[in-house]
Amino acid sequence: MIKQLAHLCFFSENAEAMVSFYRDKLGLPIAFVMNNSEGGAPFGWYMECGKDTFIEIFDQEGAVKEWGGELVALKEGAASRYRHLCLETEDIEAARKELLGKGVEVTEIKMGIDHSYQCWIKDVDGNAIELMMYTGDSLQFSNSR
């Protein structure tokens, strides 16, 4: 059902500094940038992390403007927070059906802004887990396919 880790996501109040750290200090290239649909301002960066895995860094305010929700206070002494982990699947409909059969609550499947299919579950502690199935148009592979 699960192929591999697809990405780890951070929401940050210092997104550009986070991008700079992962790019300039750790040497991870930027795979692509997500721009806000209303003004075109960048608010999300996908950093290549090897073998089709990524680190997502989102400007928290920009992400809330794009997708809704509310700004969440970050922990004292921290300017970013873990948001979710994403697991890649090769057949998202089969994975969703299997999980539902095991009594796991699963959201409906939808196409994301990155042109990949996604649905969501939570682990027993309430941590968000995204299940993702890439497509031929997925931005994660726009430079490599």
N, C-alpha and C. Protein backbone atom coordinates (compact mmCIF):
# COMPACT_ATOMS: atom_id res chain seq x y z
N MET A 1 0.82 -1.19 0.00
CA MET A 1 0.00 0.00 0.00
C MET A 1 0.87 1.27 0.00
N ILE A 2 1.86 1.36 0.89
CA ILE A 2 2.73 2.53 0.97
C ILE A 2 4.02 2.23 0.23
N LYS A 3 4.43 3.15 -0.63
CA LYS A 3 5.66 3.00 -1.40
C LYS A 3 6.86 3.57 -0.65
N GLN A 4 6.74 4.83 -0.19
CA GLN A 4 7.85 5.48 0.51
C GLN A 4 7.38 6.81 1.09
N LEU A 5 8.23 7.43 1.90
CA LEU A 5 7.97 8.78 2.38
C LEU A 5 7.99 9.71 1.18
N ALA A 6 6.97 10.55 1.03
CA ALA A 6 6.92 11.50 -0.08
C ALA A 6 7.47 12.86 0.34
N HIS A 7 6.99 13.39 1.47
CA HIS A 7 7.52 14.66 1.95
C HIS A 7 7.20 14.87 3.43
N LEU A 8 7.93 15.79 4.01
CA LEU A 8 7.70 16.29 5.36
C LEU A 8 7.39 17.77 5.21
N CYS A 9 6.43 18.29 5.95
CA CYS A 9 5.97 19.66 5.76
C CYS A 9 6.18 20.51 7.01
N PHE A 10 6.71 21.72 6.79
CA PHE A 10 6.85 22.71 7.85
C PHE A 10 6.07 23.97 7.48
N PHE A 11 5.35 24.54 8.45
CA PHE A 11 4.79 25.88 8.34
C PHE A 11 5.75 26.78 9.11
N SER A 12 6.09 27.92 8.54
CA SER A 12 7.11 28.77 9.15
C SER A 12 6.72 30.24 9.11
N GLU A 13 7.19 30.97 10.11
CA GLU A 13 7.09 32.43 10.10
C GLU A 13 8.31 33.03 9.42
N ASN A 14 9.30 32.20 9.13
CA ASN A 14 10.55 32.62 8.49
C ASN A 14 10.83 31.74 7.27
N ALA A 15 9.85 31.61 6.40
CA ALA A 15 9.95 30.65 5.30
C ALA A 15 11.18 30.89 4.42
N GLU A 16 11.46 32.15 4.08
CA GLU A 16 12.60 32.41 3.21
C GLU A 16 13.91 32.02 3.88
N ALA A 17 14.03 32.25 5.19
CA ALA A 17 15.23 31.83 5.92
C ALA A 17 15.32 30.31 5.98
N MET A 18 14.17 29.65 6.15
CA MET A 18 14.15 28.17 6.14
C MET A 18 14.61 27.65 4.78
N VAL A 19 14.07 28.23 3.71
CA VAL A 19 14.48 27.82 2.36
C VAL A 19 15.97 28.04 2.19
N SER A 20 16.46 29.18 2.62
CA SER A 20 17.89 29.48 2.52
C SER A 20 18.72 28.44 3.28
N PHE A 21 18.29 28.07 4.48
CA PHE A 21 19.02 27.07 5.26
C PHE A 21 19.09 25.75 4.51
N TYR A 22 17.95 25.23 4.07
CA TYR A 22 17.94 23.92 3.40
C TYR A 22 18.65 23.97 2.05
N ARG A 23 18.55 25.09 1.35
CA ARG A 23 19.21 25.23 0.05
C ARG A 23 20.70 25.53 0.21
N ASP A 24 21.02 26.58 0.97
CA ASP A 24 22.39 27.07 1.02
C ASP A 24 23.28 26.34 2.01
N LYS A 25 22.72 25.89 3.11
CA LYS A 25 23.53 25.18 4.12
C LYS A 25 23.56 23.68 3.88
N LEU A 26 22.39 23.11 3.54
CA LEU A 26 22.32 21.66 3.35
C LEU A 26 22.45 21.24 1.89
N GLY A 27 22.38 22.20 0.97
CA GLY A 27 22.58 21.90 -0.44
C GLY A 27 21.39 21.27 -1.15
N LEU A 28 20.19 21.41 -0.58
CA LEU A 28 19.00 20.83 -1.22
C LEU A 28 18.47 21.81 -2.26
N PRO A 29 18.36 21.39 -3.51
CA PRO A 29 17.83 22.30 -4.54
C PRO A 29 16.33 22.49 -4.40
N ILE A 30 15.86 23.63 -4.87
CA ILE A 30 14.42 23.90 -4.92
C ILE A 30 13.85 23.17 -6.13
N ALA A 31 12.89 22.29 -5.89
CA ALA A 31 12.24 21.57 -6.99
C ALA A 31 11.24 22.47 -7.69
N PHE A 32 10.41 23.17 -6.92
CA PHE A 32 9.46 24.13 -7.47
C PHE A 32 8.92 25.01 -6.36
N VAL A 33 8.30 26.10 -6.77
CA VAL A 33 7.73 27.08 -5.85
C VAL A 33 6.24 27.19 -6.13
N MET A 34 5.43 27.25 -5.08
CA MET A 34 3.99 27.48 -5.22
C MET A 34 3.71 28.96 -4.98
N ASN A 35 2.96 29.56 -5.90
CA ASN A 35 2.62 30.98 -5.79
C ASN A 35 1.16 31.14 -5.43
N ASN A 36 0.86 32.15 -4.62
CA ASN A 36 -0.50 32.45 -4.21
C ASN A 36 -1.35 32.77 -5.43
N SER A 37 -2.53 32.20 -5.50
CA SER A 37 -3.40 32.37 -6.67
C SER A 37 -3.93 33.79 -6.81
N GLU A 38 -3.96 34.56 -5.75
CA GLU A 38 -4.52 35.91 -5.83
C GLU A 38 -3.49 36.96 -6.22
N GLY A 39 -2.27 36.80 -5.81
CA GLY A 39 -1.27 37.83 -6.11
C GLY A 39 0.00 37.30 -6.73
N GLY A 40 0.10 36.00 -6.83
CA GLY A 40 1.29 35.40 -7.41
C GLY A 40 2.50 35.36 -6.50
N ALA A 41 2.36 35.80 -5.26
CA ALA A 41 3.49 35.81 -4.33
C ALA A 41 3.83 34.38 -3.92
N PRO A 42 5.12 34.04 -3.87
CA PRO A 42 5.48 32.69 -3.43
C PRO A 42 5.10 32.46 -1.96
N PHE A 43 4.58 31.26 -1.68
CA PHE A 43 4.24 30.92 -0.29
C PHE A 43 4.64 29.49 0.05
N GLY A 44 5.08 28.71 -0.92
CA GLY A 44 5.48 27.32 -0.66
C GLY A 44 6.66 26.91 -1.51
N TRP A 45 7.59 26.20 -0.90
CA TRP A 45 8.78 25.75 -1.61
C TRP A 45 8.94 24.25 -1.38
N TYR A 46 9.18 23.51 -2.45
CA TYR A 46 9.49 22.08 -2.36
C TYR A 46 10.99 21.93 -2.53
N MET A 47 11.65 21.37 -1.53
CA MET A 47 13.09 21.14 -1.57
C MET A 47 13.34 19.67 -1.89
N GLU A 48 14.18 19.41 -2.91
CA GLU A 48 14.50 18.03 -3.28
C GLU A 48 15.35 17.41 -2.19
N CYS A 49 14.97 16.19 -1.79
CA CYS A 49 15.65 15.54 -0.68
C CYS A 49 16.15 14.15 -1.07
N GLY A 50 16.21 13.85 -2.37
CA GLY A 50 16.71 12.57 -2.85
C GLY A 50 15.62 11.55 -3.09
N LYS A 51 15.80 10.74 -4.10
CA LYS A 51 14.90 9.64 -4.47
C LYS A 51 13.42 9.98 -4.33
N ASP A 52 13.01 11.03 -5.03
CA ASP A 52 11.60 11.42 -5.08
C ASP A 52 11.01 11.76 -3.72
N THR A 53 11.82 12.26 -2.79
CA THR A 53 11.33 12.73 -1.51
C THR A 53 11.63 14.22 -1.38
N PHE A 54 10.82 14.91 -0.59
CA PHE A 54 10.91 16.36 -0.52
C PHE A 54 10.68 16.86 0.90
N ILE A 55 11.14 18.09 1.15
CA ILE A 55 10.75 18.84 2.33
C ILE A 55 9.94 20.02 1.82
N GLU A 56 8.71 20.17 2.34
CA GLU A 56 7.85 21.30 2.00
C GLU A 56 8.04 22.37 3.06
N ILE A 57 8.21 23.60 2.60
CA ILE A 57 8.29 24.73 3.52
C ILE A 57 7.24 25.74 3.07
N PHE A 58 6.30 26.05 3.97
CA PHE A 58 5.25 27.01 3.65
C PHE A 58 5.34 28.22 4.57
N ASP A 59 5.21 29.40 3.98
CA ASP A 59 4.99 30.60 4.76
C ASP A 59 3.60 30.46 5.37
N GLN A 60 3.53 30.42 6.69
CA GLN A 60 2.27 30.14 7.36
C GLN A 60 1.17 31.12 6.95
N GLU A 61 1.48 32.41 6.91
CA GLU A 61 0.48 33.41 6.56
C GLU A 61 0.01 33.23 5.11
N GLY A 62 0.94 32.97 4.20
CA GLY A 62 0.58 32.77 2.79
C GLY A 62 -0.26 31.53 2.59
N ALA A 63 0.04 30.47 3.33
CA ALA A 63 -0.73 29.23 3.21
C ALA A 63 -2.16 29.43 3.71
N VAL A 64 -2.31 30.17 4.80
CA VAL A 64 -3.65 30.43 5.33
C VAL A 64 -4.44 31.28 4.34
N LYS A 65 -3.79 32.25 3.70
CA LYS A 65 -4.46 33.07 2.68
C LYS A 65 -4.91 32.20 1.51
N GLU A 66 -4.09 31.24 1.12
CA GLU A 66 -4.40 30.39 -0.04
C GLU A 66 -5.47 29.36 0.27
N TRP A 67 -5.34 28.68 1.40
CA TRP A 67 -6.20 27.53 1.69
C TRP A 67 -7.21 27.75 2.80
N GLY A 68 -7.12 28.88 3.48
CA GLY A 68 -8.02 29.11 4.61
C GLY A 68 -7.44 28.57 5.90
N GLY A 69 -8.24 28.57 6.91
CA GLY A 69 -7.77 28.15 8.23
C GLY A 69 -7.39 29.36 9.05
N GLU A 70 -6.60 29.15 10.05
CA GLU A 70 -6.21 30.24 10.93
C GLU A 70 -4.74 30.16 11.23
N LEU A 71 -4.16 31.32 11.51
CA LEU A 71 -2.76 31.35 11.93
C LEU A 71 -2.66 30.71 13.30
N VAL A 72 -1.71 29.84 13.46
CA VAL A 72 -1.52 29.13 14.72
C VAL A 72 -0.24 29.63 15.37
N ALA A 73 -0.34 30.01 16.62
CA ALA A 73 0.84 30.45 17.35
C ALA A 73 1.86 29.32 17.40
N LEU A 74 3.09 29.65 17.09
CA LEU A 74 4.14 28.65 17.12
C LEU A 74 4.74 28.60 18.52
N LYS A 75 5.39 27.48 18.82
CA LYS A 75 5.96 27.30 20.15
C LYS A 75 6.98 28.40 20.45
N GLU A 76 7.03 28.80 21.70
CA GLU A 76 8.00 29.80 22.11
C GLU A 76 9.40 29.31 21.77
N GLY A 77 10.18 30.17 21.16
CA GLY A 77 11.54 29.81 20.78
C GLY A 77 11.63 29.08 19.46
N ALA A 78 10.50 28.85 18.80
CA ALA A 78 10.50 28.17 17.51
C ALA A 78 9.71 29.02 16.52
N ALA A 79 10.24 29.16 15.32
CA ALA A 79 9.56 29.96 14.30
C ALA A 79 8.95 29.08 13.22
N SER A 80 9.02 27.79 13.40
CA SER A 80 8.35 26.88 12.46
C SER A 80 7.79 25.71 13.24
N ARG A 81 6.92 24.96 12.58
CA ARG A 81 6.37 23.78 13.23
C ARG A 81 6.13 22.70 12.21
N TYR A 82 6.26 21.49 12.70
CA TYR A 82 5.93 20.32 11.90
C TYR A 82 4.46 20.40 11.55
N ARG A 83 4.11 20.13 10.31
CA ARG A 83 2.72 20.21 9.87
C ARG A 83 2.14 18.83 9.60
N HIS A 84 2.81 18.03 8.78
CA HIS A 84 2.33 16.68 8.47
C HIS A 84 3.44 15.88 7.80
N LEU A 85 3.24 14.57 7.72
CA LEU A 85 4.11 13.75 6.91
C LEU A 85 3.26 13.20 5.78
N CYS A 86 3.90 12.92 4.67
CA CYS A 86 3.19 12.45 3.49
C CYS A 86 3.80 11.14 3.03
N LEU A 87 2.96 10.15 2.81
CA LEU A 87 3.39 8.85 2.32
C LEU A 87 2.88 8.66 0.90
N GLU A 88 3.77 8.22 0.03
CA GLU A 88 3.41 8.00 -1.37
C GLU A 88 2.75 6.63 -1.53
N THR A 89 1.72 6.58 -2.34
CA THR A 89 1.08 5.33 -2.71
C THR A 89 0.96 5.29 -4.23
N GLU A 90 0.99 4.10 -4.79
CA GLU A 90 0.87 3.97 -6.24
C GLU A 90 -0.58 3.83 -6.68
N ASP A 91 -1.50 3.53 -5.74
CA ASP A 91 -2.92 3.39 -6.06
C ASP A 91 -3.72 3.98 -4.90
N ILE A 92 -4.01 5.25 -4.98
CA ILE A 92 -4.64 5.96 -3.86
C ILE A 92 -6.06 5.46 -3.59
N GLU A 93 -6.77 5.07 -4.63
CA GLU A 93 -8.14 4.57 -4.41
C GLU A 93 -8.11 3.24 -3.66
N ALA A 94 -7.19 2.35 -4.04
CA ALA A 94 -7.07 1.07 -3.34
C ALA A 94 -6.61 1.27 -1.90
N ALA A 95 -5.67 2.20 -1.69
CA ALA A 95 -5.19 2.48 -0.34
C ALA A 95 -6.32 3.02 0.53
N ARG A 96 -7.10 3.94 -0.02
CA ARG A 96 -8.23 4.51 0.72
C ARG A 96 -9.24 3.43 1.08
N LYS A 97 -9.56 2.59 0.12
CA LYS A 97 -10.53 1.51 0.35
C LYS A 97 -10.02 0.55 1.44
N GLU A 98 -8.74 0.21 1.37
CA GLU A 98 -8.16 -0.70 2.37
C GLU A 98 -8.22 -0.08 3.77
N LEU A 99 -7.87 1.20 3.87
CA LEU A 99 -7.90 1.87 5.17
C LEU A 99 -9.31 1.98 5.72
N LEU A 100 -10.26 2.32 4.86
CA LEU A 100 -11.66 2.37 5.31
C LEU A 100 -12.11 1.01 5.81
N GLY A 101 -11.67 -0.06 5.14
CA GLY A 101 -12.00 -1.42 5.55
C GLY A 101 -11.41 -1.78 6.90
N LYS A 102 -10.34 -1.09 7.28
CA LYS A 102 -9.70 -1.32 8.58
C LYS A 102 -10.22 -0.37 9.64
N GLY A 103 -11.26 0.40 9.30
CA GLY A 103 -11.86 1.30 10.27
C GLY A 103 -11.17 2.64 10.43
N VAL A 104 -10.28 2.98 9.50
CA VAL A 104 -9.58 4.27 9.57
C VAL A 104 -10.42 5.33 8.86
N GLU A 105 -10.58 6.48 9.49
CA GLU A 105 -11.27 7.59 8.83
C GLU A 105 -10.35 8.18 7.78
N VAL A 106 -10.86 8.32 6.55
CA VAL A 106 -10.07 8.83 5.43
C VAL A 106 -10.89 9.89 4.71
N THR A 107 -10.26 11.01 4.38
CA THR A 107 -10.96 12.05 3.63
C THR A 107 -11.19 11.58 2.19
N GLU A 108 -12.01 12.32 1.48
CA GLU A 108 -12.19 12.06 0.06
C GLU A 108 -10.89 12.35 -0.67
N ILE A 109 -10.70 11.73 -1.81
CA ILE A 109 -9.53 11.97 -2.65
C ILE A 109 -9.77 13.26 -3.44
N LYS A 110 -8.73 14.10 -3.50
CA LYS A 110 -8.84 15.31 -4.31
C LYS A 110 -7.51 15.57 -5.02
N MET A 111 -7.58 16.40 -6.05
CA MET A 111 -6.38 16.81 -6.77
C MET A 111 -5.81 18.04 -6.08
N GLY A 112 -4.53 18.00 -5.73
CA GLY A 112 -3.90 19.11 -5.05
C GLY A 112 -3.37 20.16 -6.02
N ILE A 113 -2.92 21.28 -5.47
CA ILE A 113 -2.36 22.37 -6.26
C ILE A 113 -1.11 21.92 -7.02
N ASP A 114 -0.48 20.85 -6.55
CA ASP A 114 0.73 20.32 -7.19
C ASP A 114 0.41 19.27 -8.25
N HIS A 115 -0.86 19.10 -8.58
CA HIS A 115 -1.33 18.15 -9.60
C HIS A 115 -1.11 16.70 -9.19
N SER A 116 -1.12 16.44 -7.90
CA SER A 116 -1.03 15.09 -7.34
C SER A 116 -2.32 14.80 -6.58
N TYR A 117 -2.74 13.54 -6.59
CA TYR A 117 -3.93 13.15 -5.83
C TYR A 117 -3.56 13.00 -4.36
N GLN A 118 -4.50 13.36 -3.48
CA GLN A 118 -4.23 13.27 -2.05
C GLN A 118 -5.50 12.95 -1.28
N CYS A 119 -5.30 12.28 -0.15
CA CYS A 119 -6.33 12.13 0.87
C CYS A 119 -5.61 12.10 2.21
N TRP A 120 -6.36 12.22 3.28
CA TRP A 120 -5.75 12.43 4.59
C TRP A 120 -6.31 11.48 5.63
N ILE A 121 -5.42 11.08 6.56
CA ILE A 121 -5.79 10.30 7.73
C ILE A 121 -5.09 10.92 8.94
N LYS A 122 -5.39 10.41 10.12
CA LYS A 122 -4.68 10.81 11.34
C LYS A 122 -4.23 9.55 12.06
N ASP A 123 -3.05 9.63 12.68
CA ASP A 123 -2.62 8.50 13.49
C ASP A 123 -3.33 8.58 14.85
N VAL A 124 -3.02 7.65 15.74
CA VAL A 124 -3.75 7.57 17.01
C VAL A 124 -3.49 8.77 17.92
N ASP A 125 -2.39 9.50 17.69
CA ASP A 125 -2.12 10.71 18.46
C ASP A 125 -2.68 11.96 17.78
N GLY A 126 -3.33 11.78 16.63
CA GLY A 126 -3.92 12.92 15.93
C GLY A 126 -3.01 13.59 14.94
N ASN A 127 -1.82 13.02 14.68
CA ASN A 127 -0.91 13.60 13.70
C ASN A 127 -1.45 13.40 12.29
N ALA A 128 -1.42 14.47 11.50
CA ALA A 128 -1.92 14.42 10.13
C ALA A 128 -0.96 13.65 9.23
N ILE A 129 -1.53 12.75 8.43
CA ILE A 129 -0.76 11.98 7.45
C ILE A 129 -1.46 12.14 6.11
N GLU A 130 -0.72 12.65 5.14
CA GLU A 130 -1.24 12.78 3.78
C GLU A 130 -0.83 11.55 2.99
N LEU A 131 -1.76 10.97 2.26
CA LEU A 131 -1.44 9.92 1.30
C LEU A 131 -1.48 10.58 -0.07
N MET A 132 -0.43 10.36 -0.88
CA MET A 132 -0.31 11.05 -2.15
C MET A 132 -0.01 10.07 -3.26
N MET A 133 -0.66 10.29 -4.40
CA MET A 133 -0.35 9.53 -5.61
C MET A 133 0.03 10.55 -6.69
N TYR A 134 1.25 10.42 -7.17
CA TYR A 134 1.72 11.33 -8.21
C TYR A 134 1.04 11.03 -9.54
N THR A 135 0.99 12.04 -10.40
CA THR A 135 0.46 11.90 -11.75
C THR A 135 1.55 12.31 -12.74
N GLY A 136 1.27 12.16 -14.01
CA GLY A 136 2.22 12.59 -15.02
C GLY A 136 2.44 14.10 -15.02
N ASP A 137 1.52 14.84 -14.40
CA ASP A 137 1.62 16.30 -14.33
C ASP A 137 2.09 16.81 -12.98
N SER A 138 2.44 15.92 -12.05
CA SER A 138 2.85 16.34 -10.71
C SER A 138 4.05 17.28 -10.78
N LEU A 139 3.93 18.40 -10.08
CA LEU A 139 5.02 19.38 -10.08
C LEU A 139 6.30 18.82 -9.49
N GLN A 140 6.20 17.81 -8.64
CA GLN A 140 7.38 17.21 -8.03
C GLN A 140 8.34 16.66 -9.08
N PHE A 141 7.82 16.36 -10.26
CA PHE A 141 8.65 15.76 -11.29
C PHE A 141 8.71 16.59 -12.56
N SER A 142 8.28 17.84 -12.51
CA SER A 142 8.23 18.65 -13.73
C SER A 142 9.60 18.89 -14.33
N ASN A 143 10.66 18.85 -13.51
CA ASN A 143 12.01 19.07 -14.03
C ASN A 143 12.73 17.78 -14.38
N SER A 144 12.17 16.63 -13.96
CA SER A 144 12.92 15.38 -14.13
C SER A 144 12.26 14.40 -15.08
N ARG A 145 11.07 14.72 -15.59
CA ARG A 145 10.40 13.78 -16.47
C ARG A 145 10.26 14.35 -17.85
